[in-house]
Amino acid sequence: MATRLQAERKKRNWTQRDLARKAGVGPTTIASLESGRSHTSRKLVDIARVLHLNPTWLETGKGPRQAATECETPYLAASSPEHLAQLLAEKSDEELIELFRLFLTFRR
């Protein structure tokens, strides 16, 4: 992750301080991630959002590099918990893994 994060930041000609400010994190968070001292952060989603990257790709190198674009049609729209469960049951294992990974990221 350190290499991906640093490369994406440098592509934009941003300093670590620039990225930290834009993502709402401390500069030490960015420095720790880029040096490899830290391998993840509770703010990874915020950092990825500012860079317009998929947080999973940023963290693991897997999945699409670019963040999904905002779309007019929601990924899931349920009218009740039961309806949500039904919609989720129709998703592939890979989609469920990604959804739960994102869910856990937001809970931290």
Protein backbone atom coordinates (compact mmCIF):
# COMPACT_ATOMS: atom_id res chain seq x y z
CA MET A 1 0.00 0.00 0.00
CA ALA A 2 2.84 2.40 0.81
CA THR A 3 4.06 2.43 -2.79
CA ARG A 4 0.57 2.86 -4.27
CA LEU A 5 -0.30 5.69 -1.90
CA GLN A 6 2.94 7.56 -2.49
CA ALA A 7 2.72 7.13 -6.28
CA GLU A 8 -0.86 8.42 -6.38
CA ARG A 9 0.00 11.39 -4.20
CA LYS A 10 3.03 12.30 -6.29
CA LYS A 11 1.00 11.97 -9.52
CA ARG A 12 -1.02 14.90 -8.25
CA ASN A 13 2.07 16.85 -7.18
CA TRP A 14 0.77 16.92 -3.61
CA THR A 15 2.91 16.91 -0.51
CA GLN A 16 2.06 14.58 2.34
CA ARG A 17 0.68 17.63 4.13
CA ASP A 18 -1.54 18.49 1.11
CA LEU A 19 -3.02 14.98 1.05
CA ALA A 20 -3.51 14.96 4.81
CA ARG A 21 -5.35 18.27 4.74
CA LYS A 22 -7.59 17.25 1.83
CA ALA A 23 -8.42 13.89 3.48
CA GLY A 24 -8.93 15.35 6.95
CA VAL A 25 -6.16 13.33 8.57
CA GLY A 26 -2.94 14.24 10.31
CA PRO A 27 0.27 14.46 8.29
CA THR A 28 1.77 11.72 10.46
CA THR A 29 -0.95 9.34 9.23
CA ILE A 30 0.14 9.84 5.63
CA ALA A 31 3.84 9.61 6.55
CA SER A 32 3.24 6.38 8.50
CA LEU A 33 1.28 4.81 5.64
CA GLU A 34 3.81 5.80 2.99
CA SER A 35 6.78 4.61 5.03
CA GLY A 36 5.12 1.26 5.72
CA ARG A 37 5.09 1.80 9.50
CA SER A 38 1.30 1.54 9.29
CA HIS A 39 -0.44 -0.84 6.91
CA THR A 40 -3.95 0.53 7.29
CA SER A 41 -5.86 3.40 8.81
CA ARG A 42 -9.38 4.08 9.94
CA LYS A 43 -9.20 7.04 7.55
CA LEU A 44 -8.24 4.95 4.52
CA VAL A 45 -11.66 5.44 2.94
CA ASP A 46 -11.30 9.23 3.32
CA ILE A 47 -7.81 9.13 1.81
CA ALA A 48 -8.98 6.97 -1.10
CA ARG A 49 -11.99 9.23 -1.69
CA VAL A 50 -9.77 12.31 -2.05
CA LEU A 51 -7.56 10.41 -4.50
CA HIS A 52 -10.62 9.08 -6.39
CA LEU A 53 -9.43 5.53 -5.76
CA ASN A 54 -11.08 2.31 -4.68
CA PRO A 55 -10.11 1.89 -0.98
CA THR A 56 -9.64 -1.86 -1.43
CA TRP A 57 -7.26 -1.33 -4.35
CA LEU A 58 -5.33 1.27 -2.36
CA GLU A 59 -4.99 -1.07 0.61
CA THR A 60 -4.45 -4.41 -1.16
CA GLY A 61 -3.77 -3.74 -4.83
CA LYS A 62 -6.78 -5.91 -5.69
CA GLY A 63 -9.95 -4.93 -7.49
CA PRO A 64 -10.51 -1.93 -9.71
CA ARG A 65 -8.11 0.98 -9.19
CA GLN A 66 -10.64 3.73 -9.71
CA ALA A 67 -13.44 4.36 -7.25
CA ALA A 68 -16.89 3.64 -8.52
CA THR A 69 -18.42 6.78 -9.95
CA GLU A 70 -21.49 8.21 -8.39
CA CYS A 71 -24.43 6.84 -10.28
CA GLU A 72 -28.04 7.80 -10.51
CA THR A 73 -29.18 4.31 -9.63
CA PRO A 74 -28.34 3.13 -6.11
CA TYR A 75 -26.48 -0.15 -5.75
CA LEU A 76 -29.09 -1.34 -3.25
CA ALA A 77 -32.35 0.28 -2.28
CA ALA A 78 -34.49 -1.68 0.12
CA SER A 79 -37.84 -0.93 1.69
CA SER A 80 -37.29 -3.10 4.79
CA PRO A 81 -34.61 -5.17 6.51
CA GLU A 82 -36.14 -8.28 4.97
CA HIS A 83 -36.01 -6.74 1.51
CA LEU A 84 -32.37 -5.75 2.09
CA ALA A 85 -31.54 -9.34 3.12
CA GLN A 86 -33.21 -10.63 -0.04
CA LEU A 87 -31.26 -8.21 -2.24
CA LEU A 88 -27.98 -9.10 -0.55
CA ALA A 89 -28.70 -12.82 -0.95
CA GLU A 90 -28.78 -12.25 -4.71
CA LYS A 91 -25.23 -10.85 -4.77
CA SER A 92 -22.17 -12.97 -5.56
CA ASP A 93 -19.77 -14.05 -2.83
CA GLU A 94 -17.18 -11.60 -4.16
CA GLU A 95 -19.66 -8.71 -4.02
CA LEU A 96 -20.67 -9.62 -0.47
CA ILE A 97 -17.05 -9.81 0.64
CA GLU A 98 -16.40 -6.34 -0.81
CA LEU A 99 -19.57 -4.92 0.76
CA PHE A 100 -18.72 -6.28 4.19
CA ARG A 101 -15.09 -5.12 3.88
CA LEU A 102 -16.39 -1.60 3.18
CA PHE A 103 -18.96 -1.88 5.96
CA LEU A 104 -16.25 -2.79 8.48
CA THR A 105 -14.07 0.06 7.23
CA PHE A 106 -16.83 2.56 8.00
CA ARG A 107 -17.45 1.08 11.48
CA ARG A 108 -13.86 1.60 12.68
